[in-house]
Amino acid sequence: MFKALVLEKNPDFHAGVRDVDESFLPVFPEGGGVTVAIDHSTLNYKDGLAITNRSPVVRNWPMVAGIDGAGVVLASEHPRWAVGDRVVLNGFGVGETHKGCLAARARLHGDWLVRLPEAFSTRQAMAVGTAGYTAMLCVMALERHGALASAANVLVTGATGGVGSVAVALLARLGHRVTAATGKADEAAYLRSLGAAEVIDRAELSAPGKPLQKERWDAVVDAVGSHTLANACAQTRYGGAVAACGLAQGHDLPATVMPFILRGVALLGVDSVMAPLARREEAWARLARDLDPTRLDTLTTEIGLDEAIPAAVRLMEGAVRGRVVVRTV
């Protein structure tokens, strides 16, 4: 028996931590399944939505929550993985359509797994989690576009969140000047400790604005969407780029084409859930190289599995900064 954070709907929704056994885990009739002892998981925005039932994230019931996990292979039907391998999982519908990693064990398809870099413990990997992995994908997208020249001026929105916190730390270490936008004025010192050169009030970006505004940013990492994303595009310099990966303010985009056709601004969509394996491996290799592991302690809070549900409520209330790592055993 082992503990898991189980979400049920029969017919009313219920979330609770309870004991289950291996028969509760999914199987892969076609083969390729890997059973992993999950040492650590984490709470992402999508996990918060699922655990609080604020959005129809879960498609199959009952569900084990947790879109991220890191641990050690216990058994494998997949040629890439052997008992004892350290692995990390992000996305692929886990915690939505496939039972997830807020549990002491998970059975996952071997094609979904990435070998955990030696630079990271399982705890550190979950301090990164999908949020930090997504931040790295954003940085890589901006680099491919050529928007991150030497000492670029970069805006990061939703900066105290998981994506934002890691993006600030990554970009600062790469030598860029980072402006962090947040609605939490009392977190300015935290953001500066991660490397932000400037902290601005999110109110500067969150209200409707002009289609074209003063050019301020060479590049943007946006995890907020809606008017914030529209204003970020309107303030991006000629030939710059905006990497969009979230919708904390909303999924709408109340913008015009003017930044794109008059300034050549590029809007780069960044998906972390179904990104191909090669890109995932590159992102984790870059994180191991470019993210100062000492920063992870600054932006991480660790909790036990029994604390995950109230922590998810706080996450949805905007009362959590940085990353939340969950001990599953």
Protein backbone atom coordinates (compact mmCIF):
# COMPACT_ATOMS: atom_id res chain seq x y z
CA MET A 1 0.00 0.00 0.00
CA PHE A 2 1.09 3.57 -0.62
CA LYS A 3 -0.43 7.03 -0.33
CA ALA A 4 -1.87 8.98 -3.25
CA LEU A 5 -3.81 12.22 -3.67
CA VAL A 6 -6.95 10.88 -5.33
CA LEU A 7 -9.57 12.99 -7.11
CA GLU A 8 -13.04 11.44 -7.43
CA LYS A 9 -16.40 12.45 -8.87
CA ASN A 10 -19.24 10.13 -7.93
CA PRO A 11 -21.27 12.26 -8.54
CA ASP A 12 -19.86 15.00 -6.30
CA PHE A 13 -16.22 16.00 -6.45
CA HIS A 14 -13.88 14.93 -3.66
CA ALA A 15 -10.11 15.26 -3.21
CA GLY A 16 -8.29 13.32 -0.52
CA VAL A 17 -5.05 11.56 0.35
CA ARG A 18 -5.62 7.85 0.91
CA ASP A 19 -3.91 4.46 0.74
CA VAL A 20 -4.03 2.57 -2.55
CA ASP A 21 -2.18 -0.43 -3.93
CA GLU A 22 -0.55 -1.21 -7.26
CA SER A 23 -3.81 -2.50 -8.72
CA PHE A 24 -4.94 1.13 -8.67
CA LEU A 25 -2.19 2.09 -11.11
CA PRO A 26 -2.88 2.12 -14.87
CA VAL A 27 -1.54 -0.53 -17.23
CA PHE A 28 -0.29 -0.30 -20.82
CA PRO A 29 -1.67 -3.30 -22.73
CA GLU A 30 0.62 -2.47 -25.66
CA GLY A 31 3.69 -2.49 -23.37
CA GLY A 32 6.16 0.23 -22.51
CA GLY A 33 5.00 0.88 -18.96
CA VAL A 34 7.50 1.95 -16.30
CA THR A 35 6.76 1.82 -12.56
CA VAL A 36 8.48 4.66 -10.72
CA ALA A 37 9.00 5.23 -7.01
CA ILE A 38 8.11 8.91 -6.86
CA ASP A 39 10.31 10.68 -4.33
CA HIS A 40 9.03 14.19 -4.97
CA SER A 41 6.25 15.86 -6.92
CA THR A 42 5.14 19.48 -7.04
CA LEU A 43 2.16 21.80 -7.39
CA ASN A 44 1.65 23.64 -10.66
CA TYR A 45 -1.19 25.94 -11.67
CA LYS A 46 -2.87 23.06 -13.51
CA ASP A 47 -2.60 20.88 -10.40
CA GLY A 48 -4.27 23.65 -8.41
CA LEU A 49 -7.13 23.79 -10.90
CA ALA A 50 -7.60 20.02 -10.73
CA ILE A 51 -7.34 19.63 -6.95
CA THR A 52 -9.75 22.50 -6.26
CA ASN A 53 -12.05 21.48 -9.16
CA ARG A 54 -12.03 25.05 -10.48
CA SER A 55 -11.62 23.95 -14.08
CA PRO A 56 -12.42 20.71 -15.94
CA VAL A 57 -8.79 19.61 -16.05
CA VAL A 58 -9.48 15.96 -15.15
CA ARG A 59 -10.93 13.83 -17.94
CA ASN A 60 -10.94 10.38 -16.36
CA TRP A 61 -12.09 9.36 -12.88
CA PRO A 62 -10.83 8.46 -10.37
CA MET A 63 -7.60 10.38 -10.94
CA VAL A 64 -4.33 10.70 -9.08
CA ALA A 65 -3.32 14.35 -9.25
CA GLY A 66 0.15 15.55 -10.16
CA ILE A 67 1.45 16.46 -13.63
CA ASP A 68 5.09 16.23 -12.47
CA GLY A 69 7.16 13.61 -10.74
CA ALA A 70 10.77 12.59 -10.13
CA GLY A 71 12.06 9.33 -8.79
CA VAL A 72 13.66 5.96 -9.45
CA VAL A 73 12.54 3.17 -11.78
CA LEU A 74 11.24 0.10 -9.91
CA ALA A 75 10.18 -1.98 -12.93
CA SER A 76 10.29 -1.41 -16.68
CA GLU A 77 8.74 -2.87 -19.83
CA HIS A 78 10.46 -0.18 -21.91
CA PRO A 79 13.86 -0.65 -23.63
CA ARG A 80 15.13 2.82 -22.64
CA TRP A 81 14.72 2.29 -18.90
CA ALA A 82 16.15 -0.10 -16.34
CA VAL A 83 15.59 -0.61 -12.63
CA GLY A 84 17.47 2.08 -10.71
CA ASP A 85 17.38 4.77 -13.41
CA ARG A 86 16.53 8.26 -12.15
CA VAL A 87 13.79 9.88 -14.22
CA VAL A 88 11.66 13.00 -14.41
CA LEU A 89 8.15 13.36 -15.86
CA ASN A 90 6.44 16.55 -17.06
CA GLY A 91 3.01 16.67 -18.71
CA PHE A 92 1.80 14.22 -21.37
CA GLY A 93 -1.69 14.35 -19.87
CA VAL A 94 -0.56 12.86 -16.58
CA GLY A 95 -2.87 14.06 -13.80
CA GLU A 96 -5.53 14.77 -16.46
CA THR A 97 -6.23 11.61 -18.47
CA HIS A 98 -3.59 9.36 -16.88
CA LYS A 99 -3.04 8.84 -13.14
CA GLY A 100 -0.36 11.19 -11.91
CA CYS A 101 2.56 11.68 -9.57
CA LEU A 102 1.19 13.10 -6.32
CA ALA A 103 1.68 9.59 -4.96
CA ALA A 104 4.49 7.39 -3.71
CA ARG A 105 4.30 5.37 -6.94
CA ALA A 106 3.26 5.97 -10.54
CA ARG A 107 3.11 3.86 -13.68
CA LEU A 108 4.06 5.92 -16.71
CA HIS A 109 4.92 5.23 -20.34
CA GLY A 110 8.64 5.08 -20.97
CA ASP A 111 8.33 7.41 -23.97
CA TRP A 112 7.25 10.20 -21.59
CA LEU A 113 10.27 10.05 -19.32
CA VAL A 114 13.49 12.08 -19.37
CA ARG A 115 16.67 10.97 -17.66
CA LEU A 116 17.23 13.18 -14.64
CA PRO A 117 20.47 15.18 -15.04
CA GLU A 118 23.14 14.34 -12.48
CA ALA A 119 23.18 18.00 -11.43
CA PHE A 120 19.74 17.66 -9.82
CA SER A 121 18.35 15.70 -6.91
CA THR A 122 14.72 14.61 -7.25
CA ARG A 123 13.78 17.45 -4.89
CA GLN A 124 15.61 19.99 -7.04
CA ALA A 125 14.01 18.55 -10.17
CA MET A 126 10.59 19.19 -8.69
CA ALA A 127 11.66 22.66 -7.55
CA VAL A 128 12.08 23.16 -11.29
CA GLY A 129 9.01 21.12 -12.30
CA THR A 130 6.80 21.88 -15.27
CA ALA A 131 6.91 25.57 -14.37
CA GLY A 132 10.69 25.79 -14.55
CA TYR A 133 10.88 23.48 -17.56
CA THR A 134 8.35 25.74 -19.30
CA ALA A 135 10.43 28.80 -18.40
CA MET A 136 13.43 27.13 -20.07
CA LEU A 137 11.35 26.35 -23.17
CA CYS A 138 10.44 30.05 -23.31
CA VAL A 139 14.08 31.08 -23.10
CA MET A 140 14.99 28.60 -25.84
CA ALA A 141 12.18 29.89 -28.08
CA LEU A 142 13.35 33.49 -27.63
CA GLU A 143 16.95 32.45 -28.36
CA ARG A 144 15.93 30.61 -31.55
CA HIS A 145 14.18 33.76 -32.70
CA GLY A 146 17.27 35.86 -32.00
CA ALA A 147 15.51 38.07 -29.43
CA LEU A 148 18.03 37.41 -26.65
CA ALA A 149 21.11 39.22 -27.88
CA SER A 150 23.82 40.11 -25.38
CA ALA A 151 22.36 41.83 -22.30
CA ALA A 152 18.81 41.96 -23.66
CA ASN A 153 16.15 43.89 -21.78
CA VAL A 154 13.57 41.24 -20.88
CA LEU A 155 10.16 41.52 -19.21
CA VAL A 156 8.86 38.61 -17.14
CA THR A 157 5.17 38.76 -16.16
CA GLY A 158 3.64 36.84 -13.29
CA ALA A 159 7.13 36.98 -11.86
CA THR A 160 6.44 35.55 -8.39
CA GLY A 161 4.77 32.45 -9.85
CA GLY A 162 6.58 29.23 -10.72
CA VAL A 163 7.28 30.02 -14.38
CA GLY A 164 8.11 33.63 -13.61
CA SER A 165 10.46 32.92 -10.71
CA VAL A 166 12.54 30.43 -12.68
CA ALA A 167 12.50 32.65 -15.78
CA VAL A 168 13.87 35.57 -13.75
CA ALA A 169 16.65 33.40 -12.30
CA LEU A 170 17.54 31.87 -15.68
CA LEU A 171 17.56 35.11 -17.66
CA ALA A 172 19.56 36.99 -15.03
CA ARG A 173 22.21 34.27 -14.91
CA LEU A 174 22.42 34.34 -18.71
CA GLY A 175 23.38 38.01 -18.48
CA HIS A 176 20.13 39.73 -19.40
CA ARG A 177 18.53 42.70 -17.67
CA VAL A 178 15.27 41.41 -16.23
CA THR A 179 12.24 43.50 -15.32
CA ALA A 180 9.83 41.53 -13.15
CA ALA A 181 6.12 42.42 -13.14
CA THR A 182 4.13 41.42 -10.06
CA GLY A 183 1.08 42.42 -8.09
CA LYS A 184 2.89 41.65 -4.85
CA ALA A 185 4.87 44.75 -3.90
CA ASP A 186 6.16 43.04 -0.76
CA GLU A 187 7.94 40.42 -2.90
CA ALA A 188 10.29 42.92 -4.58
CA ALA A 189 13.23 41.80 -2.43
CA TYR A 190 12.54 38.16 -3.34
CA LEU A 191 12.55 38.97 -7.06
CA ARG A 192 15.74 40.99 -6.77
CA SER A 193 17.35 38.06 -4.94
CA LEU A 194 16.58 35.94 -8.02
CA GLY A 195 18.32 38.50 -10.23
CA ALA A 196 15.65 41.01 -11.28
CA ALA A 197 17.16 44.43 -12.03
CA GLU A 198 13.78 46.16 -11.75
CA VAL A 199 10.38 45.30 -10.30
CA ILE A 200 7.21 46.93 -11.65
CA ASP A 201 3.56 46.77 -10.63
CA ARG A 202 1.52 44.43 -12.80
CA ALA A 203 -1.11 47.19 -12.92
CA GLU A 204 1.11 48.88 -15.53
CA LEU A 205 0.25 46.02 -17.88
CA SER A 206 -3.06 44.49 -16.76
CA ALA A 207 -5.53 47.16 -17.97
CA PRO A 208 -6.57 47.84 -21.58
CA GLY A 209 -3.86 49.81 -23.40
CA LYS A 210 -3.04 51.40 -26.74
CA PRO A 211 -2.35 49.11 -29.70
CA LEU A 212 1.21 50.50 -29.97
CA GLN A 213 3.10 51.86 -26.97
CA LYS A 214 6.60 53.01 -26.11
CA GLU A 215 9.15 50.35 -27.04
CA ARG A 216 10.57 48.92 -23.82
CA TRP A 217 11.46 45.24 -24.19
CA ASP A 218 13.71 43.19 -26.46
CA ALA A 219 11.92 40.06 -25.30
CA VAL A 220 9.11 38.96 -22.98
CA VAL A 221 8.23 35.80 -21.07
CA ASP A 222 4.49 35.98 -20.38
CA ALA A 223 2.61 33.54 -18.15
CA VAL A 224 -0.44 35.79 -17.71
CA GLY A 225 -2.25 36.31 -21.04
CA SER A 226 -5.17 38.70 -21.66
CA HIS A 227 -4.45 42.45 -21.43
CA THR A 228 -1.02 41.80 -19.93
CA LEU A 229 0.06 39.87 -23.00
CA ALA A 230 -1.50 42.45 -25.32
CA ASN A 231 0.36 45.31 -23.61
CA ALA A 232 3.61 43.34 -23.58
CA CYS A 233 3.35 42.90 -27.34
CA ALA A 234 2.53 46.61 -27.77
CA GLN A 235 5.67 47.54 -25.77
CA THR A 236 8.11 45.14 -27.46
CA ARG A 237 10.82 46.71 -29.59
CA TYR A 238 11.15 46.34 -33.34
CA GLY A 239 12.06 42.76 -34.22
CA GLY A 240 11.59 41.52 -30.68
CA ALA A 241 9.63 38.52 -29.51
CA VAL A 242 7.14 37.49 -26.82
CA ALA A 243 7.02 33.91 -25.53
CA ALA A 244 3.49 33.16 -24.27
CA CYS A 245 2.95 30.15 -22.03
CA GLY A 246 0.15 30.92 -19.55
CA LEU A 247 -3.26 32.43 -18.87
CA ALA A 248 -3.31 33.49 -15.22
CA GLN A 249 -5.20 36.68 -16.14
CA GLY A 250 -7.25 35.09 -18.91
CA HIS A 251 -7.16 33.12 -22.14
CA ASP A 252 -8.28 36.05 -24.29
CA LEU A 253 -5.90 38.24 -26.30
CA PRO A 254 -7.47 41.71 -26.71
CA ALA A 255 -4.81 42.98 -29.12
CA THR A 256 -4.44 44.31 -32.66
CA VAL A 257 -2.10 43.22 -35.43
CA MET A 258 -0.17 46.51 -35.23
CA PRO A 259 2.83 45.31 -33.16
CA PHE A 260 3.25 42.38 -35.54
CA ILE A 261 2.97 44.20 -38.87
CA LEU A 262 4.49 47.58 -37.92
CA ARG A 263 7.31 46.43 -35.63
CA GLY A 264 7.80 42.85 -36.74
CA VAL A 265 7.16 41.56 -33.23
CA ALA A 266 6.87 37.77 -33.02
CA LEU A 267 4.42 36.03 -30.70
CA LEU A 268 5.85 32.62 -29.84
CA GLY A 269 3.50 30.05 -28.36
CA VAL A 270 5.22 27.70 -25.91
CA ASP A 271 3.69 24.31 -25.08
CA SER A 272 5.21 22.13 -22.38
CA VAL A 273 2.66 19.31 -22.22
CA MET A 274 3.34 17.54 -25.53
CA ALA A 275 6.77 18.92 -26.44
CA PRO A 276 8.85 16.28 -28.28
CA LEU A 277 11.45 14.28 -26.41
CA ALA A 278 14.47 15.95 -28.04
CA ARG A 279 13.28 19.39 -26.94
CA ARG A 280 12.57 18.12 -23.42
CA GLU A 281 16.03 16.63 -23.13
CA GLU A 282 17.58 19.85 -24.39
CA ALA A 283 15.57 21.90 -21.89
CA TRP A 284 16.64 19.73 -18.94
CA ALA A 285 20.26 19.78 -20.08
CA ARG A 286 20.09 23.57 -20.29
CA LEU A 287 18.49 23.80 -16.84
CA ALA A 288 21.32 21.71 -15.41
CA ARG A 289 23.82 24.08 -17.02
CA ASP A 290 22.17 27.50 -16.77
CA LEU A 291 20.11 27.47 -13.56
CA ASP A 292 22.03 28.23 -10.39
CA PRO A 293 20.92 25.41 -8.04
CA THR A 294 21.35 27.71 -5.03
CA ARG A 295 18.49 29.81 -6.41
CA LEU A 296 16.16 26.83 -6.09
CA ASP A 297 16.25 27.01 -2.31
CA THR A 298 15.27 30.69 -2.49
CA LEU A 299 12.18 30.02 -4.56
CA THR A 300 11.06 26.68 -3.08
CA THR A 301 8.74 25.66 -0.24
CA GLU A 302 8.61 21.96 0.68
CA ILE A 303 5.50 20.26 2.06
CA GLY A 304 4.23 16.74 2.70
CA LEU A 305 1.60 14.98 0.63
CA ASP A 306 -1.02 15.53 3.36
CA GLU A 307 -0.49 19.29 2.99
CA ALA A 308 -0.96 19.38 -0.79
CA ILE A 309 -4.71 20.08 -0.85
CA PRO A 310 -4.65 23.23 1.34
CA ALA A 311 -1.52 24.35 -0.55
CA ALA A 312 -3.43 23.99 -3.84
CA VAL A 313 -6.18 26.23 -2.43
CA ARG A 314 -3.58 28.86 -1.51
CA LEU A 315 -2.05 28.56 -4.98
CA MET A 316 -5.40 29.34 -6.58
CA GLU A 317 -5.81 32.33 -4.24
CA GLY A 318 -2.49 33.76 -5.41
CA ALA A 319 -0.98 33.28 -1.96
CA VAL A 320 1.98 31.13 -3.07
CA ARG A 321 5.26 32.40 -4.44
CA GLY A 322 7.81 30.42 -6.39
CA ARG A 323 7.64 26.65 -6.33
CA VAL A 324 6.03 24.12 -3.99
CA VAL A 325 7.78 20.75 -3.74
CA VAL A 326 5.74 17.84 -2.38
CA ARG A 327 7.36 14.93 -0.54
CA THR A 328 5.39 11.86 -1.53
CA VAL A 329 6.87 9.45 1.03
